[in-house]
Protein backbone atom coordinates (compact mmCIF):
# COMPACT_ATOMS: atom_id res chain seq x y z
CA ILE A 1 0.28 -9.31 13.44
CA TYR A 2 -3.50 -9.33 13.61
CA THR A 3 -5.07 -10.47 16.86
CA ASP A 4 -7.78 -10.05 19.47
CA HIS A 5 -5.86 -10.22 22.75
CA PRO A 6 -7.53 -10.20 26.19
CA TYR A 7 -8.75 -6.65 26.76
CA GLY A 8 -8.19 -6.21 30.46
CA ILE A 9 -11.88 -5.74 31.20
CA GLU A 10 -13.81 -7.01 34.18
CA VAL A 11 -15.85 -10.03 32.99
CA THR A 12 -17.11 -11.31 36.34
CA ASN A 13 -20.25 -9.15 36.08
CA LEU A 14 -21.08 -10.18 32.53
CA ASN A 15 -23.95 -12.57 31.95
CA MET A 16 -23.15 -13.74 28.43
CA LYS A 17 -23.57 -17.06 26.69
CA HIS A 18 -20.36 -19.14 27.10
CA ILE A 19 -18.76 -16.58 29.47
CA GLY A 20 -18.03 -19.25 32.09
CA ALA A 21 -15.33 -21.01 30.06
CA THR A 22 -13.92 -17.72 28.81
CA SER A 23 -13.78 -15.91 32.15
CA ASN A 24 -10.83 -18.07 33.28
CA GLU A 25 -8.63 -16.41 30.66
CA HIS A 26 -9.82 -12.90 31.44
CA ASP A 27 -8.36 -11.81 34.76
CA ARG A 28 -8.40 -8.01 34.38
CA ASP A 29 -5.11 -7.18 36.13
CA GLU A 30 -3.27 -10.10 34.57
CA ASN A 31 -4.48 -9.13 31.10
CA ILE A 32 -3.41 -5.51 31.59
CA SER A 33 0.04 -6.70 32.69
CA LEU A 34 0.36 -8.42 29.27
CA PHE A 35 -0.06 -5.21 27.24
CA GLU A 36 3.59 -4.11 27.31
CA PRO A 37 5.16 -7.57 26.79
CA PHE A 38 2.75 -8.13 23.89
CA LEU A 39 3.73 -4.86 22.20
CA LYS A 40 7.46 -5.44 22.78
CA GLY A 41 7.16 -8.97 21.38
CA ALA A 42 5.18 -7.69 18.41
CA TRP A 43 7.88 -5.11 17.64
CA ARG A 44 10.56 -7.78 17.88
CA VAL A 45 8.94 -10.32 15.53
CA LEU A 46 7.40 -8.00 12.95
CA MET A 47 9.08 -7.58 9.60
CA PRO A 48 10.07 -4.03 8.59
CA GLU A 49 7.21 -1.92 7.20
CA SER A 50 4.57 -4.16 8.85
CA PHE A 51 1.45 -3.58 10.92
CA CYS A 52 0.27 -4.79 14.30
CA ILE A 53 -3.52 -4.54 14.41
CA PHE A 54 -5.37 -5.62 17.52
CA TRP A 55 -8.74 -5.26 19.17
CA CYS A 56 -8.82 -3.54 22.56
CA ASP A 57 -11.11 -1.76 24.99
CA ILE A 58 -11.56 2.00 24.54
CA GLU A 59 -10.56 2.39 28.21
CA HIS A 60 -6.98 1.35 27.38
CA VAL A 61 -6.38 3.11 24.04
CA GLY A 62 -4.34 5.95 25.61
CA VAL A 63 -2.12 3.63 27.64
CA LEU A 64 -1.61 1.23 24.73
CA SER A 65 -0.83 4.10 22.34
CA ALA A 66 1.79 5.53 24.71
CA MET A 67 3.40 2.10 25.20
CA ALA A 68 3.45 1.41 21.46
CA ASN A 69 4.96 4.83 20.70
CA ASP A 70 7.65 4.32 23.35
CA ILE A 71 8.54 0.96 21.77
CA GLY A 72 8.91 2.58 18.34
CA PHE A 73 5.58 2.02 16.61
CA ARG A 74 3.79 4.74 14.68
CA VAL A 75 0.29 4.59 16.17
CA GLN A 76 -2.76 5.80 14.31
CA ARG A 77 -4.09 8.63 16.49
CA TRP A 78 -7.65 7.34 16.39
CA PRO A 79 -8.85 3.77 16.81
CA LEU A 80 -10.95 2.04 14.21
CA ILE A 81 -14.55 1.50 15.31
CA ALA A 82 -16.81 -1.45 14.56
CA HIS A 83 -20.44 -0.58 15.28
CA LYS A 84 -22.29 -3.73 16.32
CA ALA A 85 -25.65 -4.38 14.74
CA SER A 86 -27.05 -4.87 18.21
CA GLY A 87 -25.64 -4.35 21.65
CA LYS A 88 -26.52 -6.20 24.80
CA ASN A 89 -26.26 -4.20 28.00
CA GLU A 90 -25.31 -6.23 31.06
CA ALA A 91 -25.66 -3.20 33.36
CA ALA A 92 -28.44 -1.12 31.80
CA GLN A 93 -29.31 0.43 35.14
CA TYR A 94 -25.80 1.98 35.33
CA ASN A 95 -24.54 2.56 31.77
CA THR A 96 -25.69 3.14 28.24
CA THR A 97 -25.11 0.21 25.89
CA LYS A 98 -21.59 -0.26 24.47
CA ASP A 99 -22.46 -1.22 20.91
CA TYR A 100 -19.02 -0.93 19.35
CA GLU A 101 -15.59 -2.53 19.36
CA VAL A 102 -12.23 -0.80 18.88
CA ALA A 103 -9.18 -1.85 16.88
CA MET A 104 -5.76 -0.16 17.23
CA VAL A 105 -3.34 0.32 14.37
CA CYS A 106 0.38 0.19 15.16
CA ALA A 107 2.93 0.31 12.35
CA LYS A 108 6.63 -0.12 11.93
CA PRO A 109 8.22 2.80 10.05
CA GLY A 110 7.37 2.83 6.35
CA ALA A 111 4.28 0.56 6.61
CA LEU A 112 1.63 1.46 4.02
CA LEU A 113 -2.01 0.44 3.70
CA SER A 114 -2.81 -2.29 1.20
CA VAL A 115 -6.20 -0.71 0.51
CA ARG A 116 -7.16 2.92 1.14
CA ARG A 117 -10.38 3.33 3.11
CA PRO A 118 -12.69 6.38 3.22
CA THR A 119 -13.73 5.84 6.85
CA SER A 120 -12.60 4.66 10.29
CA PHE A 121 -15.69 2.51 10.67
CA ILE A 122 -15.31 -1.24 10.28
CA PRO A 123 -18.34 -3.07 8.86
CA TRP A 124 -20.02 -5.35 11.41
CA LYS A 125 -22.18 -7.74 9.43
CA SER A 126 -22.83 -11.26 10.66
CA ASP A 127 -24.36 -13.83 8.40
CA LYS A 128 -27.25 -15.79 9.82
CA GLY A 129 -26.02 -18.02 12.63
CA GLU A 130 -22.43 -16.78 12.58
CA ARG A 131 -22.35 -15.90 16.30
CA GLU A 132 -23.70 -19.33 17.22
CA ARG A 133 -20.79 -21.10 15.47
CA TYR A 134 -18.30 -19.80 18.04
CA MET A 135 -18.25 -20.82 21.69
CA HIS A 136 -16.21 -17.70 22.52
CA PRO A 137 -18.51 -14.77 23.38
CA PHE A 138 -16.08 -12.13 22.07
CA ALA A 139 -15.57 -13.58 18.55
CA LYS A 140 -15.82 -10.93 15.83
CA PRO A 141 -17.78 -11.44 12.59
CA GLN A 142 -15.92 -12.38 9.41
CA SER A 143 -16.81 -8.97 7.90
CA CYS A 144 -14.70 -7.20 10.55
CA HIS A 145 -11.74 -9.52 10.12
CA ARG A 146 -11.81 -9.31 6.32
CA TYR A 147 -12.01 -5.52 6.32
CA LEU A 148 -8.93 -5.18 8.53
CA LEU A 149 -6.98 -7.93 6.80
CA GLU A 150 -7.61 -6.41 3.35
CA THR A 151 -6.76 -2.91 4.57
CA PHE A 152 -3.45 -3.63 6.26
CA PHE A 153 -2.02 -6.86 4.87
CA PRO A 154 -1.09 -7.67 1.27
CA SER A 155 -2.44 -10.96 -0.04
CA LYS A 156 -0.29 -14.04 0.55
CA CYS A 157 1.68 -12.45 3.39
CA THR A 158 2.36 -14.26 6.66
CA ILE A 159 0.14 -13.13 9.53
CA LEU A 160 0.63 -14.02 13.18
CA ASP A 161 -2.41 -14.29 15.48
CA PRO A 162 -1.01 -15.02 18.96
CA PHE A 163 -4.44 -14.87 20.65
CA MET A 164 -6.51 -16.78 18.11
CA GLY A 165 -9.26 -17.97 20.49
CA GLU A 166 -11.56 -20.18 18.45
CA GLY A 167 -9.97 -19.00 15.21
CA SER A 168 -12.56 -16.65 13.70
CA GLY A 169 -9.71 -14.37 12.54
CA VAL A 170 -7.74 -17.31 11.14
CA LEU A 171 -10.82 -18.45 9.19
CA ALA A 172 -11.04 -14.98 7.63
CA MET A 173 -7.33 -15.17 6.73
CA GLN A 174 -7.98 -18.40 4.82
C-alpha cells in the first residue's frame, strides 16, 4: 500500500489555491477517526512481507506508530522527510513555515527494502508546471512518489492506493 490519506489537519484556516473543493474531504476529527480503521484494513489486505507507506502530519506520527505497532506492523522509528523547495506560510504571524512533508513506513514481518537508501530525506523536485497540473493542493511531486515506490516496492508488484486523490501517485506508479 502506498497512499496519501487525509492527515487530520485543520484546513479551514488555509488560504490555498483549490482548497475550497478539497476542504469538504478534510474534516479534522473525521479524518483522525479513520487512522485506526485504515491501518487495520491495510494489515488485513497486505501480502506477507509487504509495506504500507503513507504520508501524514508530524503531529500524528506518535499516535499512528502506536496504532500500527499494536496491529502488528513493524514501524520505522523515524518518519521519512520531504523538504519542499519552497514553503508557503498561511499563519506567518503565529508559526514558522512548515516546509516539509512526512511519510511513515509500516512493514509486515520480513519486509525488505527494494533499494537501500543512504538518507531519510525524500527528494522534492517538481518539474516546471507540475503543481499546476493538479487541482488538489496537497499533491506531491513525481520525484517524491518515485523515490518511495522504488525504495519499498519491487517492480511489477501490485500497489493499492486507497486515497488516490487526483492520481499523482498512480501516475508515478505507471
